[in-house]
């Protein structure tokens, strides 16, 4: 089967809710990343075969074919097509899978995969809220689904706490993981680890002044166990708090996937080769535990062991998710989210998949690693796993 290569991987810095990126339209946010990818690679914009954009809350400014609007807002010609997909938090990771599959099938040579989510402008859960306001029956969960699983609705918050309880994580352990995420992110930021992946975004302040936003806004250098411990729990009898959960975040990200022929034709320098693409699904109630069996399957299909993998990116939707993943698989903690995770850096939902991939491939190069594995828990009990090999 033909190879698929990642030749560029970029992301905006994370913007806090109502922070530096809140005034930027989602289409413009996505276009910023696409333009940076084109500038970095020097590829003729007209040579791009397709653009695949992930987004979770596809209402308001993020509706009406957001992917196409990202293209129209960018420097790509109008002849470049686009599509928008939703696999919940794994949307842009799945966009990468679709792009790689198109290249590996030989049907396309240059595909941009990415994601956009402005959580300040289009609030998390907006589609469900609007459906309820419109009086649309039981919402997304049909009575047949409710009867089958014995619930009225599925909740990621409930799932995350169920996982914490199942694996025996108390608040102290969860808070410590959150603190470690901030500490790793601070160290990475101060060492310039994100410079190769971040696309600075110029914003206009209320007084008309211009500001270059070039760092993840949610990272807290002053975080401590004491401050994290004061944050209210998400449920009265639970152990998770907002401080041990991912931050609401505005952002966009993207990768350019190329065939071997395109690499040669356009004089591109690959960052990584796609080694394995896996997606699995399981229990929609506990929901967020699926990265564990998905990782086992991906490694088996790739003919690799955990020891062969140099770096892991496991999305920190909640601290209990990567902690359970580590415990269940017996993985090396020192290889996990080495530059911090979503607890410190933010989780811009549909953009997080290729955001993590940008961090992973650049970290592999910085550390001289060979294989990297990325996985994401997703609504509905689904998980994507991507294994890449540094080139």
Protein backbone atom coordinates (compact mmCIF):
# COMPACT_ATOMS: atom_id res chain seq x y z
CA UNK A 1 0.00 0.00 0.00
CA UNK A 2 1.35 3.50 -0.85
CA UNK A 3 2.71 5.55 2.04
CA UNK A 4 1.12 8.72 3.40
CA UNK A 5 3.37 11.39 4.90
CA UNK A 6 2.72 14.34 7.18
CA UNK A 7 4.72 17.19 5.65
CA UNK A 8 3.42 20.04 7.82
CA UNK A 9 1.67 20.15 11.18
CA UNK A 10 0.62 23.49 12.63
CA UNK A 11 -1.81 24.90 15.17
CA UNK A 12 -2.88 28.18 16.63
CA UNK A 13 -2.03 28.84 20.26
CA UNK A 14 -4.90 28.02 22.56
CA UNK A 15 -7.19 30.87 23.53
CA UNK A 16 -9.02 30.86 26.84
CA UNK A 17 -12.80 31.25 26.90
CA UNK A 18 -13.52 34.88 25.98
CA UNK A 19 -9.79 35.40 25.68
CA UNK A 20 -7.39 36.45 22.93
CA UNK A 21 -9.02 34.48 20.11
CA UNK A 22 -12.66 35.08 21.03
CA UNK A 23 -13.17 37.85 18.47
CA UNK A 24 -12.00 35.78 15.51
CA UNK A 25 -14.56 34.04 13.32
CA UNK A 26 -14.05 30.25 13.26
CA UNK A 27 -13.57 30.25 9.48
CA UNK A 28 -10.82 32.84 9.78
CA UNK A 29 -9.22 30.86 12.60
CA UNK A 30 -9.05 27.77 10.41
CA UNK A 31 -7.83 29.78 7.43
CA UNK A 32 -4.91 31.07 9.49
CA UNK A 33 -3.60 27.52 9.90
CA UNK A 34 -4.13 26.60 6.24
CA UNK A 35 -2.25 29.70 5.09
CA UNK A 36 0.62 28.87 7.45
CA UNK A 37 0.81 25.32 6.05
CA UNK A 38 0.91 26.65 2.48
CA UNK A 39 3.57 29.21 3.36
CA UNK A 40 5.70 26.64 5.17
CA UNK A 41 5.61 24.02 2.42
CA UNK A 42 5.53 26.28 -0.63
CA UNK A 43 2.97 23.98 -2.26
CA UNK A 44 0.94 25.48 -5.10
CA UNK A 45 -2.45 26.11 -3.43
CA UNK A 46 -4.24 24.85 -6.53
CA UNK A 47 -2.54 21.45 -6.11
CA UNK A 48 -4.45 20.69 -2.89
CA UNK A 49 -6.93 17.92 -3.69
CA UNK A 50 -9.21 18.30 -0.69
CA UNK A 51 -9.63 19.86 2.75
CA UNK A 52 -11.23 17.89 5.60
CA UNK A 53 -12.19 19.90 8.68
CA UNK A 54 -13.38 18.52 12.00
CA UNK A 55 -15.80 20.46 14.19
CA UNK A 56 -18.08 19.34 17.01
CA UNK A 57 -20.57 22.18 17.55
CA UNK A 58 -21.78 22.72 14.01
CA UNK A 59 -24.27 25.51 14.64
CA UNK A 60 -24.16 29.29 14.33
CA UNK A 61 -20.89 30.49 12.89
CA UNK A 62 -19.66 26.91 12.63
CA UNK A 63 -22.49 25.65 10.47
CA UNK A 64 -23.27 25.77 6.72
CA UNK A 65 -20.26 23.76 5.55
CA UNK A 66 -17.59 25.17 7.87
CA UNK A 67 -14.83 23.33 5.98
CA UNK A 68 -15.80 25.04 2.74
CA UNK A 69 -15.94 28.41 4.49
CA UNK A 70 -12.46 27.84 5.91
CA UNK A 71 -11.22 27.30 2.36
CA UNK A 72 -12.99 30.44 1.11
CA UNK A 73 -11.46 32.47 3.97
CA UNK A 74 -7.96 31.19 3.18
CA UNK A 75 -5.55 31.76 0.30
CA UNK A 76 -6.66 28.52 -1.34
CA UNK A 77 -8.41 28.99 -4.70
CA UNK A 78 -12.16 28.40 -4.79
CA UNK A 79 -11.50 25.29 -6.89
CA UNK A 80 -10.35 23.38 -3.78
CA UNK A 81 -13.20 21.35 -2.25
CA UNK A 82 -13.79 20.75 1.44
CA UNK A 83 -15.94 18.77 3.85
CA UNK A 84 -16.81 19.07 7.54
CA UNK A 85 -16.95 16.01 9.79
CA UNK A 86 -17.98 15.26 13.36
CA UNK A 87 -16.53 12.40 15.37
CA UNK A 88 -16.89 14.43 18.54
CA UNK A 89 -13.55 15.17 20.22
CA UNK A 90 -11.78 12.99 17.67
CA UNK A 91 -13.09 14.96 14.69
CA UNK A 92 -9.80 16.29 13.37
CA UNK A 93 -7.96 13.08 14.22
CA UNK A 94 -10.54 11.32 12.04
CA UNK A 95 -10.01 14.04 9.42
CA UNK A 96 -6.35 13.00 9.41
CA UNK A 97 -7.39 9.35 9.04
CA UNK A 98 -9.62 10.17 6.07
CA UNK A 99 -6.86 12.23 4.46
CA UNK A 100 -4.30 9.46 4.94
CA UNK A 101 -6.71 6.87 3.58
CA UNK A 102 -7.31 8.99 0.48
CA UNK A 103 -3.57 9.24 -0.13
CA UNK A 104 -2.89 5.58 0.66
CA UNK A 105 -5.65 4.53 -1.74
CA UNK A 106 -3.98 6.48 -4.52
CA UNK A 107 -7.05 8.62 -5.20
CA UNK A 108 -5.52 11.88 -3.93
CA UNK A 109 -1.99 13.23 -3.42
CA UNK A 110 -2.27 16.33 -1.24
CA UNK A 111 -4.95 16.65 1.42
CA UNK A 112 -5.20 19.14 4.30
CA UNK A 113 -6.82 17.68 7.42
CA UNK A 114 -7.61 19.88 10.37
CA UNK A 115 -10.15 21.17 12.82
CA UNK A 116 -11.67 24.34 14.21
CA UNK A 117 -13.57 25.10 17.38
CA UNK A 118 -14.35 28.53 18.79
CA UNK A 119 -15.81 27.58 22.14
CA UNK A 120 -16.20 31.23 23.09
CA UNK A 121 -18.41 32.01 20.09
CA UNK A 122 -20.18 28.65 19.75
CA UNK A 123 -20.62 27.20 23.21
CA UNK A 124 -20.09 23.51 23.93
CA UNK A 125 -23.40 21.65 23.71
CA UNK A 126 -25.04 24.32 21.55
CA UNK A 127 -26.61 21.83 19.09
CA UNK A 128 -28.35 19.94 21.90
CA UNK A 129 -29.42 23.15 23.62
CA UNK A 130 -30.94 24.55 20.43
CA UNK A 131 -32.75 21.27 19.79
CA UNK A 132 -34.26 21.36 23.28
CA UNK A 133 -35.31 24.99 22.87
CA UNK A 134 -37.01 24.06 19.62
CA UNK A 135 -38.93 21.33 21.41
CA UNK A 136 -37.43 18.55 19.32
CA UNK A 137 -38.60 15.50 21.27
CA UNK A 138 -35.99 13.59 23.24
CA UNK A 139 -33.06 15.29 21.53
CA UNK A 140 -30.25 13.22 20.01
CA UNK A 141 -30.99 10.05 21.99
CA UNK A 142 -33.98 8.19 20.57
CA UNK A 143 -36.30 6.40 23.00
CA UNK A 144 -34.99 3.10 21.63
CA UNK A 145 -31.45 4.08 22.67
CA UNK A 146 -32.60 5.25 26.09
CA UNK A 147 -34.38 1.94 26.64
CA UNK A 148 -31.46 -0.15 25.42
CA UNK A 149 -28.89 1.44 27.74
CA UNK A 150 -31.17 2.39 30.63
CA UNK A 151 -30.31 6.09 30.57
CA UNK A 152 -32.05 9.25 29.41
CA UNK A 153 -28.83 10.71 28.05
CA UNK A 154 -25.10 10.05 27.88
CA UNK A 155 -22.72 12.30 29.78
CA UNK A 156 -18.95 12.59 29.40
CA UNK A 157 -18.80 13.98 32.93
CA UNK A 158 -20.54 10.89 34.29
CA UNK A 159 -18.27 8.66 32.21
CA UNK A 160 -15.13 10.37 33.44
CA UNK A 161 -16.18 9.94 37.08
CA UNK A 162 -17.13 6.31 36.45
CA UNK A 163 -13.60 5.72 35.16
CA UNK A 164 -12.05 7.47 38.15
CA UNK A 165 -14.09 5.24 40.47
CA UNK A 166 -13.36 2.06 38.49
CA UNK A 167 -9.60 2.58 38.59
CA UNK A 168 -9.52 3.91 42.16
CA UNK A 169 -8.35 7.49 41.58
CA UNK A 170 -9.02 9.80 44.50
CA UNK A 171 -9.02 13.57 44.30
CA UNK A 172 -5.42 13.87 45.46
CA UNK A 173 -4.16 11.71 42.58
CA UNK A 174 -6.30 13.52 40.00
CA UNK A 175 -5.19 16.94 41.26
CA UNK A 176 -1.54 15.86 41.14
CA UNK A 177 -1.94 14.78 37.52
CA UNK A 178 -3.46 18.18 36.71
CA UNK A 179 -0.58 19.99 38.38
CA UNK A 180 1.93 17.89 36.46
CA UNK A 181 0.20 18.86 33.19
CA UNK A 182 0.69 22.54 33.96
CA UNK A 183 4.30 22.01 35.04
CA UNK A 184 5.16 20.13 31.84
CA UNK A 185 3.43 22.78 29.73
CA UNK A 186 5.31 25.60 31.47
CA UNK A 187 8.63 23.82 30.97
CA UNK A 188 7.84 23.17 27.29
CA UNK A 189 6.76 26.75 26.70
CA UNK A 190 9.83 28.20 28.40
CA UNK A 191 12.10 25.88 26.39
CA UNK A 192 10.48 26.96 23.10
CA UNK A 193 9.12 23.47 22.44
CA UNK A 194 5.96 24.82 20.78
CA UNK A 195 7.59 27.29 18.39
CA UNK A 196 7.74 24.87 15.46
CA UNK A 197 4.04 24.08 15.67
CA UNK A 198 2.36 27.33 16.74
CA UNK A 199 1.04 29.82 14.19
CA UNK A 200 0.98 33.26 15.86
CA UNK A 201 -2.38 35.00 15.50
CA UNK A 202 -2.64 38.80 15.32
CA UNK A 203 -5.65 40.16 17.20
CA UNK A 204 -7.12 43.63 17.65
CA UNK A 205 -7.77 44.87 21.17
CA UNK A 206 -10.75 46.99 22.24
CA UNK A 207 -8.60 50.14 22.09
CA UNK A 208 -7.58 49.36 18.51
CA UNK A 209 -4.08 48.18 19.36
CA UNK A 210 -2.69 45.04 17.74
CA UNK A 211 -1.50 42.03 19.70
CA UNK A 212 0.39 38.96 18.48
CA UNK A 213 -0.97 35.94 20.32
CA UNK A 214 1.78 33.32 20.22
CA UNK A 215 1.40 31.19 23.36
CA UNK A 216 -1.20 28.92 24.94
CA UNK A 217 -3.28 31.18 27.12
CA UNK A 218 -4.44 28.62 29.66
CA UNK A 219 -1.07 27.49 31.00
CA UNK A 220 -0.67 28.46 34.66
CA UNK A 221 2.84 28.87 35.96
CA UNK A 222 1.38 29.63 39.40
CA UNK A 223 -0.62 26.40 39.66
CA UNK A 224 -0.25 24.50 42.92
CA UNK A 225 -1.92 21.62 44.67
CA UNK A 226 -3.41 24.13 47.07
CA UNK A 227 -5.02 26.24 44.34
CA UNK A 228 -6.19 23.19 42.37
CA UNK A 229 -7.65 21.73 45.54
CA UNK A 230 -9.93 24.72 46.08
CA UNK A 231 -11.80 24.18 42.79
CA UNK A 232 -15.34 22.89 43.19
CA UNK A 233 -15.98 19.24 42.35
CA UNK A 234 -18.00 18.47 39.23
CA UNK A 235 -20.36 16.28 41.29
CA UNK A 236 -21.01 16.34 45.06
CA UNK A 237 -19.68 12.83 45.70
CA UNK A 238 -17.10 12.83 42.94
CA UNK A 239 -13.34 13.31 42.74
CA UNK A 240 -13.00 15.31 39.51
CA UNK A 241 -13.09 19.09 39.36
CA UNK A 242 -12.81 21.65 36.59
CA UNK A 243 -9.12 21.89 37.47
CA UNK A 244 -8.58 18.21 36.61
CA UNK A 245 -10.56 18.51 33.38
CA UNK A 246 -9.60 19.98 30.03
CA UNK A 247 -9.93 23.72 29.58
CA UNK A 248 -12.54 25.27 27.30
CA UNK A 249 -10.47 26.61 24.46
CA UNK A 250 -10.59 28.40 21.10
CA UNK A 251 -8.26 27.11 18.43
CA UNK A 252 -7.56 25.59 15.03
CA UNK A 253 -5.04 23.08 13.76
CA UNK A 254 -4.10 21.23 10.62
CA UNK A 255 -1.72 18.88 8.86
CA UNK A 256 -0.83 18.44 5.21
CA UNK A 257 -0.83 14.79 4.16
CA UNK A 258 1.10 13.93 0.99
CA UNK A 259 1.78 10.91 -1.17
CA UNK A 260 5.33 9.85 -1.99
CA UNK A 261 4.79 11.14 -5.51
CA UNK A 262 3.68 14.55 -4.20
CA UNK A 263 6.67 14.70 -1.84
CA UNK A 264 9.01 14.28 -4.79
CA UNK A 265 7.06 16.49 -7.18
CA UNK A 266 6.79 19.43 -4.79
CA UNK A 267 10.15 19.03 -3.06
CA UNK A 268 8.59 18.44 0.35
CA UNK A 269 10.33 17.26 3.52
CA UNK A 270 8.21 14.73 5.44
CA UNK A 271 7.90 15.00 9.21
CA UNK A 272 6.37 11.58 9.72
CA UNK A 273 4.95 8.56 7.95
CA UNK A 274 1.51 7.29 8.87
CA UNK A 275 2.09 3.82 10.32
CA UNK A 276 -1.34 2.80 11.59
CA UNK A 277 -4.91 4.12 11.61
CA UNK A 278 -7.37 2.54 14.03
CA UNK A 279 -10.82 3.42 15.28
CA UNK A 280 -12.95 1.32 17.64
CA UNK A 281 -16.15 1.72 19.63
CA UNK A 282 -17.48 0.35 22.91
CA UNK A 283 -19.70 1.16 25.89
CA UNK A 284 -21.42 4.55 25.33
CA UNK A 285 -22.26 4.94 29.02
CA UNK A 286 -18.78 4.86 30.56
CA UNK A 287 -17.91 6.31 27.14
CA UNK A 288 -14.36 7.58 27.63
CA UNK A 289 -12.59 4.28 28.39
CA UNK A 290 -12.36 3.20 24.74
CA UNK A 291 -8.77 4.45 24.11
CA UNK A 292 -7.57 1.42 26.11
CA UNK A 293 -8.91 -1.36 23.84
CA UNK A 294 -8.32 0.85 20.79
CA UNK A 295 -4.63 1.15 21.68
CA UNK A 296 -4.32 -2.61 22.14
CA UNK A 297 -5.86 -3.18 18.73
CA UNK A 298 -3.70 -0.55 17.02
CA UNK A 299 -0.49 -2.02 18.43
CA UNK A 300 -1.52 -5.52 17.40
CA UNK A 301 -2.35 -4.41 13.86
CA UNK A 302 0.90 -2.46 13.62
CA UNK A 303 3.00 -5.33 14.95
CA UNK A 304 4.38 -3.13 17.72
CA UNK A 305 4.51 -3.19 21.51
CA UNK A 306 4.13 -0.32 23.93
CA UNK A 307 7.89 -0.44 24.45
CA UNK A 308 8.40 0.35 20.75
CA UNK A 309 6.54 3.65 21.13
CA UNK A 310 8.70 6.62 22.13
CA UNK A 311 5.98 9.18 22.88
CA UNK A 312 2.29 9.00 23.73
CA UNK A 313 -0.32 11.73 23.31
CA UNK A 314 -3.47 10.71 25.21
CA UNK A 315 -5.95 13.56 25.33
CA UNK A 316 -6.55 14.93 28.81
CA UNK A 317 -10.30 15.38 28.48
CA UNK A 318 -10.30 14.57 32.18
CA UNK A 319 -7.32 13.47 34.27
CA UNK A 320 -8.95 10.08 34.84
CA UNK A 321 -8.71 9.18 31.13
CA UNK A 322 -4.92 9.15 30.59
CA UNK A 323 -4.44 7.90 34.14
CA UNK A 324 -6.68 4.88 33.44
CA UNK A 325 -4.92 4.36 30.10
CA UNK A 326 -1.54 4.27 31.84
CA UNK A 327 -2.74 1.91 34.56
CA UNK A 328 -4.58 -0.50 32.28
CA UNK A 329 -1.77 -0.78 29.75
CA UNK A 330 1.20 -0.48 32.10
CA UNK A 331 2.63 2.29 29.95
CA UNK A 332 5.71 4.37 30.79
CA UNK A 333 4.49 7.57 32.45
CA UNK A 334 7.59 9.50 31.31
CA UNK A 335 6.54 9.09 27.67
CA UNK A 336 3.03 10.50 28.19
CA UNK A 337 2.05 14.04 27.14
CA UNK A 338 5.61 15.22 27.64
CA UNK A 339 4.75 18.85 26.84
CA UNK A 340 1.61 18.93 28.94
CA UNK A 341 -1.94 18.22 27.86
CA UNK A 342 -5.41 19.65 27.55
CA UNK A 343 -5.70 20.34 31.28
CA UNK A 344 -3.07 23.04 30.82
CA UNK A 345 -3.11 23.73 27.07
CA UNK A 346 -6.84 23.53 26.37
CA UNK A 347 -9.11 21.23 24.39
CA UNK A 348 -10.66 23.01 21.39
CA UNK A 349 -12.87 19.97 20.71
CA UNK A 350 -12.91 19.47 16.93
CA UNK A 351 -9.42 20.95 16.56
CA UNK A 352 -7.71 18.84 19.22
CA UNK A 353 -6.92 15.80 17.07
CA UNK A 354 -4.55 17.49 14.66
CA UNK A 355 -3.44 19.83 17.46
CA UNK A 356 -2.09 16.82 19.35
CA UNK A 357 -0.58 15.43 16.17
CA UNK A 358 1.30 18.69 15.62
CA UNK A 359 2.70 18.44 19.13
CA UNK A 360 3.52 14.76 18.72
CA UNK A 361 5.46 14.93 15.44
CA UNK A 362 7.46 17.98 16.51
CA UNK A 363 8.24 16.39 19.89
CA UNK A 364 9.44 13.22 18.14
CA UNK A 365 11.87 15.32 16.11
CA UNK A 366 13.02 17.33 19.11
CA UNK A 367 13.65 14.18 21.17
CA UNK A 368 14.92 11.91 18.40
CA UNK A 369 12.14 9.37 18.87
CA UNK A 370 10.94 6.98 16.17
CA UNK A 371 7.31 6.05 16.87
CA UNK A 372 4.54 8.18 18.35
CA UNK A 373 1.03 7.09 19.33
CA UNK A 374 -1.94 9.42 19.69
CA UNK A 375 -5.36 8.48 21.03
CA UNK A 376 -8.53 10.32 21.89
CA UNK A 377 -11.65 9.47 23.89
CA UNK A 378 -14.79 10.52 22.03
CA UNK A 379 -18.50 10.95 22.65
CA UNK A 380 -20.54 7.81 22.12
CA UNK A 381 -17.77 5.49 23.32
CA UNK A 382 -15.49 5.78 20.27
CA UNK A 383 -11.70 6.17 20.13
CA UNK A 384 -9.21 6.90 17.38
CA UNK A 385 -5.58 5.77 17.52
CA UNK A 386 -2.90 7.01 15.13
CA UNK A 387 0.65 5.69 15.09
CA UNK A 388 3.27 7.68 13.19
CA UNK A 389 6.93 7.10 12.45
CA UNK A 390 9.35 10.02 12.41
CA UNK A 391 11.04 10.53 9.07
